[in-house]
């Protein structure tokens, strides 16, 4: 699939004290965290079994189209949507106001889609990792709107289906770092990626922007729907596929709109007490306005 990317950036959302306030509020809502199963790539299935569920604990706070509507049906999604939207607005309404104000200054008019779930939180809680294995998720394109397509068609006239906005706003990052990897990035965007990296350089870049990492991904076929999407040519020149790794910074959000193959870099060498907590969501531009949802 041809990469189509229109823009991306990393922007500051919160000051350090505000960010800590959000973290403490999320801990206080622990009873509302919804436990999820970790995604197990091929190496976790065919390789040595480290039983990652024992040291990587994955939760969400919020309702999601791509998990709840897809796997459990629209009625379950809507029930969770109503509950979480009410709680998140009451407990963190100021955060949602701050986020959309900062985001609009970058992308233009935007609003939370009132009949869909608010952006929510991915929460990873870690114990000590037994090895230095790199943890990541599959290479993929975002298309979470698919599970709400009927709703969008019924509600809006003009919908830009190929121009989904995604954002990852980091509240807590593991001590050794986490990131997003952009694969097959068009040449005109590579300089911007490098500029963002150098603003706050982190060693997670040098650990994942390597030929060995590309070989690992290719060897284990860590790509979503590999029968649909392909990236690697069998010409042996894998250096050209080395991704651009953008570190996550606490209090900052990385956003992009368009279509580009990307990957979550969860991190490595976790220590007990580490967290990776991100405010997550997507948007479609409908009738000229970005409509935010999860």
Protein backbone atom coordinates (compact mmCIF):
# COMPACT_ATOMS: atom_id res chain seq x y z
CA UNK A 1 0.00 0.00 0.00
CA UNK A 2 1.37 3.40 -0.94
CA UNK A 3 2.20 5.60 2.02
CA UNK A 4 0.14 8.80 2.13
CA UNK A 5 1.13 11.14 4.93
CA UNK A 6 -0.04 14.70 5.24
CA UNK A 7 1.47 15.99 8.49
CA UNK A 8 2.70 15.13 11.97
CA UNK A 9 4.25 16.78 15.01
CA UNK A 10 5.00 16.43 18.70
CA UNK A 11 3.52 19.21 20.84
CA UNK A 12 3.54 20.09 24.52
CA UNK A 13 0.20 19.76 26.28
CA UNK A 14 0.86 19.90 30.04
CA UNK A 15 3.40 21.27 32.48
CA UNK A 16 5.12 18.76 34.78
CA UNK A 17 2.88 19.44 37.80
CA UNK A 18 -0.27 19.18 35.66
CA UNK A 19 0.94 15.91 34.21
CA UNK A 20 1.56 14.48 37.69
CA UNK A 21 -1.96 15.56 38.68
CA UNK A 22 -3.39 13.49 35.80
CA UNK A 23 -1.25 10.49 36.75
CA UNK A 24 -2.46 10.57 40.35
CA UNK A 25 -6.09 10.92 39.21
CA UNK A 26 -5.72 7.87 36.97
CA UNK A 27 -4.27 5.85 39.84
CA UNK A 28 -7.25 6.91 41.96
CA UNK A 29 -9.56 5.49 39.26
CA UNK A 30 -7.84 2.10 39.23
CA UNK A 31 -11.09 0.23 39.93
CA UNK A 32 -12.32 1.44 36.53
CA UNK A 33 -9.32 0.15 34.57
CA UNK A 34 -10.45 -2.51 32.11
CA UNK A 35 -7.90 -5.32 31.78
CA UNK A 36 -6.91 -6.29 28.25
CA UNK A 37 -4.76 -9.06 26.80
CA UNK A 38 -1.31 -8.21 25.52
CA UNK A 39 -0.71 -8.70 21.81
CA UNK A 40 1.71 -11.59 21.32
CA UNK A 41 3.86 -11.37 18.19
CA UNK A 42 5.19 -14.50 16.53
CA UNK A 43 8.38 -14.47 18.59
CA UNK A 44 6.27 -14.75 21.73
CA UNK A 45 4.48 -17.79 20.32
CA UNK A 46 7.28 -19.73 18.63
CA UNK A 47 10.24 -18.42 20.61
CA UNK A 48 11.14 -18.71 24.30
CA UNK A 49 8.08 -18.15 26.44
CA UNK A 50 8.71 -15.44 29.00
CA UNK A 51 5.04 -15.36 30.05
CA UNK A 52 4.81 -11.65 29.41
CA UNK A 53 1.43 -11.39 31.15
CA UNK A 54 3.39 -11.80 34.41
CA UNK A 55 5.34 -8.58 33.96
CA UNK A 56 3.37 -6.54 31.40
CA UNK A 57 -0.13 -5.67 32.63
CA UNK A 58 -2.31 -3.92 30.06
CA UNK A 59 -5.50 -1.95 30.77
CA UNK A 60 -7.66 0.69 29.15
CA UNK A 61 -9.72 3.47 30.69
CA UNK A 62 -12.39 4.31 28.18
CA UNK A 63 -14.45 2.60 25.47
CA UNK A 64 -12.92 1.83 22.07
CA UNK A 65 -14.40 1.19 18.63
CA UNK A 66 -11.56 -1.12 17.62
CA UNK A 67 -11.80 -3.36 20.69
CA UNK A 68 -15.25 -3.03 22.22
CA UNK A 69 -17.45 -2.37 19.17
CA UNK A 70 -15.45 -4.79 17.03
CA UNK A 71 -15.19 -7.65 19.53
CA UNK A 72 -18.24 -7.17 21.75
CA UNK A 73 -20.78 -5.33 19.60
CA UNK A 74 -22.17 -1.80 19.40
CA UNK A 75 -24.45 -2.17 22.41
CA UNK A 76 -21.54 -3.05 24.69
CA UNK A 77 -19.47 -0.23 23.22
CA UNK A 78 -22.31 2.23 23.83
CA UNK A 79 -22.81 1.07 27.42
CA UNK A 80 -19.11 1.49 28.19
CA UNK A 81 -19.07 4.80 26.26
CA UNK A 82 -21.80 6.29 28.43
CA UNK A 83 -20.18 5.18 31.67
CA UNK A 84 -16.64 6.23 30.82
CA UNK A 85 -17.62 9.52 29.16
CA UNK A 86 -19.50 10.53 32.28
CA UNK A 87 -16.66 9.62 34.65
CA UNK A 88 -13.84 11.03 32.51
CA UNK A 89 -15.65 14.33 32.00
CA UNK A 90 -16.30 14.68 35.72
CA UNK A 91 -12.79 13.71 36.86
CA UNK A 92 -10.65 15.06 34.00
CA UNK A 93 -12.80 17.55 32.13
CA UNK A 94 -10.08 20.21 32.38
CA UNK A 95 -7.63 17.84 30.65
CA UNK A 96 -9.97 17.33 27.70
CA UNK A 97 -10.44 21.09 27.37
CA UNK A 98 -6.69 21.69 27.48
CA UNK A 99 -5.90 18.95 24.98
CA UNK A 100 -8.37 20.04 22.31
CA UNK A 101 -7.33 23.69 22.65
CA UNK A 102 -3.67 22.77 22.04
CA UNK A 103 -4.56 20.37 19.23
CA UNK A 104 -6.73 22.88 17.38
CA UNK A 105 -3.85 25.33 17.29
CA UNK A 106 -2.04 22.70 15.17
CA UNK A 107 -4.74 21.16 12.98
CA UNK A 108 -7.67 23.58 12.90
CA UNK A 109 -11.31 23.20 14.04
CA UNK A 110 -11.93 20.07 16.12
CA UNK A 111 -14.46 18.79 18.61
CA UNK A 112 -15.20 15.63 20.56
CA UNK A 113 -17.83 13.55 18.79
CA UNK A 114 -20.65 13.60 21.34
CA UNK A 115 -22.19 10.26 20.35
CA UNK A 116 -18.92 8.31 20.39
CA UNK A 117 -16.49 7.49 23.18
CA UNK A 118 -14.12 10.19 24.34
CA UNK A 119 -10.41 9.59 23.82
CA UNK A 120 -9.26 7.40 26.68
CA UNK A 121 -6.13 5.88 28.14
CA UNK A 122 -3.83 2.97 27.39
CA UNK A 123 -2.30 1.89 30.69
CA UNK A 124 0.68 -0.46 30.88
CA UNK A 125 1.93 -1.36 34.34
CA UNK A 126 5.23 -3.24 34.55
CA UNK A 127 7.14 -5.57 36.81
CA UNK A 128 10.81 -6.40 36.29
CA UNK A 129 11.46 -7.78 32.80
CA UNK A 130 13.39 -11.08 32.84
CA UNK A 131 15.45 -10.15 29.76
CA UNK A 132 16.36 -7.27 27.46
CA UNK A 133 13.88 -8.37 24.78
CA UNK A 134 12.37 -5.50 22.82
CA UNK A 135 8.60 -5.21 23.18
CA UNK A 136 6.55 -3.71 20.40
CA UNK A 137 3.32 -4.11 18.46
CA UNK A 138 2.78 -4.95 14.81
CA UNK A 139 3.35 -2.54 11.94
CA UNK A 140 -0.03 -1.24 10.81
CA UNK A 141 -2.14 1.51 9.30
CA UNK A 142 -4.80 3.16 11.44
CA UNK A 143 -8.41 2.65 10.40
CA UNK A 144 -10.31 2.50 13.69
CA UNK A 145 -13.15 4.51 12.18
CA UNK A 146 -14.16 1.35 10.25
CA UNK A 147 -16.05 0.03 13.27
CA UNK A 148 -18.11 3.23 13.39
CA UNK A 149 -18.51 3.70 9.63
CA UNK A 150 -22.30 3.31 9.71
CA UNK A 151 -22.53 6.01 12.36
CA UNK A 152 -20.37 8.47 10.40
CA UNK A 153 -22.28 7.86 7.16
CA UNK A 154 -25.58 8.45 8.92
CA UNK A 155 -24.39 11.60 10.69
CA UNK A 156 -22.27 13.50 8.15
CA UNK A 157 -22.29 14.35 4.45
CA UNK A 158 -18.59 14.84 3.63
CA UNK A 159 -16.17 12.38 5.23
CA UNK A 160 -12.46 12.10 4.44
CA UNK A 161 -12.02 8.37 5.06
CA UNK A 162 -8.32 8.24 4.16
CA UNK A 163 -7.37 11.14 6.36
CA UNK A 164 -7.67 9.76 9.89
CA UNK A 165 -6.02 11.72 12.69
CA UNK A 166 -4.30 9.78 15.48
CA UNK A 167 -2.68 11.08 18.67
CA UNK A 168 -0.68 9.60 21.53
CA UNK A 169 -0.38 11.96 24.48
CA UNK A 170 2.07 10.57 27.05
CA UNK A 171 1.31 10.84 30.75
CA UNK A 172 3.93 8.32 31.97
CA UNK A 173 6.83 6.74 30.10
CA UNK A 174 8.90 3.71 31.28
CA UNK A 175 12.33 4.60 32.68
CA UNK A 176 14.03 3.25 29.54
CA UNK A 177 11.73 5.04 27.13
CA UNK A 178 8.97 4.25 24.64
CA UNK A 179 8.23 5.60 21.19
CA UNK A 180 6.37 5.43 17.90
CA UNK A 181 8.22 4.09 14.85
CA UNK A 182 7.36 5.49 11.41
CA UNK A 183 8.11 3.00 8.64
CA UNK A 184 8.55 3.74 4.94
CA UNK A 185 8.44 7.47 5.64
CA UNK A 186 8.39 9.55 2.42
CA UNK A 187 11.54 11.55 1.80
CA UNK A 188 9.92 14.98 2.17
CA UNK A 189 9.01 14.12 5.80
CA UNK A 190 12.29 12.59 6.92
CA UNK A 191 13.90 15.92 7.83
CA UNK A 192 10.95 16.83 10.04
CA UNK A 193 11.21 13.49 11.84
CA UNK A 194 14.92 14.09 12.47
CA UNK A 195 14.22 17.60 13.77
CA UNK A 196 11.67 16.26 16.26
CA UNK A 197 14.14 13.60 17.40
CA UNK A 198 16.90 16.11 18.08
CA UNK A 199 14.66 18.40 20.13
CA UNK A 200 14.75 15.87 22.98
CA UNK A 201 17.05 13.04 22.01
CA UNK A 202 16.54 9.71 23.81
CA UNK A 203 18.51 6.48 23.66
CA UNK A 204 15.37 4.58 22.58
CA UNK A 205 16.17 5.93 19.10
CA UNK A 206 19.55 4.23 18.82
CA UNK A 207 18.18 0.96 20.21
CA UNK A 208 15.43 0.65 17.60
CA UNK A 209 16.74 2.53 14.56
CA UNK A 210 19.00 -0.36 13.61
CA UNK A 211 19.38 -2.89 10.84
CA UNK A 212 19.11 -5.70 13.40
CA UNK A 213 15.70 -4.42 14.48
CA UNK A 214 14.51 -4.36 10.86
CA UNK A 215 15.72 -7.95 10.45
CA UNK A 216 13.81 -8.96 13.59
CA UNK A 217 10.58 -7.41 12.32
CA UNK A 218 10.97 -8.99 8.86
CA UNK A 219 11.94 -12.40 10.25
CA UNK A 220 8.96 -12.60 12.57
CA UNK A 221 6.46 -11.05 10.11
CA UNK A 222 5.40 -8.48 12.67
CA UNK A 223 2.97 -6.72 10.37
CA UNK A 224 -0.80 -6.46 10.55
CA UNK A 225 -2.61 -8.51 7.89
CA UNK A 226 0.57 -9.46 5.98
CA UNK A 227 -1.57 -10.93 3.21
CA UNK A 228 -2.83 -7.37 2.54
CA UNK A 229 0.12 -5.15 3.34
CA UNK A 230 3.73 -5.75 2.46
CA UNK A 231 6.77 -3.64 3.16
CA UNK A 232 9.92 -5.64 2.55
CA UNK A 233 11.23 -6.52 -0.87
CA UNK A 234 13.35 -9.65 -1.18
CA UNK A 235 16.37 -7.78 -2.48
CA UNK A 236 18.46 -8.01 0.66
CA UNK A 237 18.87 -4.23 1.03
CA UNK A 238 17.11 -3.82 4.36
CA UNK A 239 18.93 -0.64 5.43
CA UNK A 240 16.38 1.43 3.52
CA UNK A 241 13.64 0.17 5.85
CA UNK A 242 15.20 1.40 9.10
CA UNK A 243 12.31 3.31 10.74
CA UNK A 244 12.24 6.81 12.18
CA UNK A 245 11.72 6.45 15.92
CA UNK A 246 10.03 9.36 17.71
CA UNK A 247 10.43 9.11 21.51
CA UNK A 248 7.40 9.76 23.68
CA UNK A 249 7.80 12.60 26.17
CA UNK A 250 5.68 13.00 29.28
CA UNK A 251 3.26 15.89 28.90
CA UNK A 252 3.62 15.87 25.10
CA UNK A 253 1.44 14.46 22.33
CA UNK A 254 2.58 13.02 19.02
CA UNK A 255 -0.10 13.38 16.36
CA UNK A 256 -0.31 12.65 12.67
CA UNK A 257 -2.97 12.61 9.99
CA UNK A 258 -2.95 10.73 6.72
CA UNK A 259 -1.82 7.16 6.13
CA UNK A 260 1.60 5.86 7.11
CA UNK A 261 2.72 2.47 8.35
CA UNK A 262 3.73 2.82 11.99
CA UNK A 263 4.35 0.80 15.12
CA UNK A 264 4.11 1.14 18.89
CA UNK A 265 7.48 0.77 20.60
CA UNK A 266 6.47 -0.37 24.07
CA UNK A 267 10.04 -0.48 25.34
CA UNK A 268 12.46 -2.86 27.04
CA UNK A 269 14.24 -3.65 30.33
CA UNK A 270 11.18 -2.67 32.36
CA UNK A 271 11.49 -2.23 36.10
CA UNK A 272 8.82 -2.81 38.71
CA UNK A 273 6.95 0.46 39.12
CA UNK A 274 7.33 1.52 35.49
CA UNK A 275 4.21 2.72 33.66
CA UNK A 276 3.41 3.60 30.09
CA UNK A 277 0.22 5.65 30.22
CA UNK A 278 -1.04 7.47 27.15
CA UNK A 279 -4.13 9.48 26.30
CA UNK A 280 -5.24 7.91 23.01
CA UNK A 281 -7.71 8.62 20.29
CA UNK A 282 -8.49 9.26 16.65
CA UNK A 283 -10.53 11.62 14.49
CA UNK A 284 -12.07 11.92 11.06
CA UNK A 285 -12.62 15.20 9.26
CA UNK A 286 -16.37 15.31 8.69
CA UNK A 287 -18.11 18.32 7.15
CA UNK A 288 -14.90 20.33 7.59
CA UNK A 289 -14.30 19.65 11.30
CA UNK A 290 -12.12 17.04 12.98
CA UNK A 291 -14.42 14.77 15.03
CA UNK A 292 -12.46 13.17 17.88
CA UNK A 293 -13.35 9.72 19.21
CA UNK A 294 -11.97 6.47 20.56
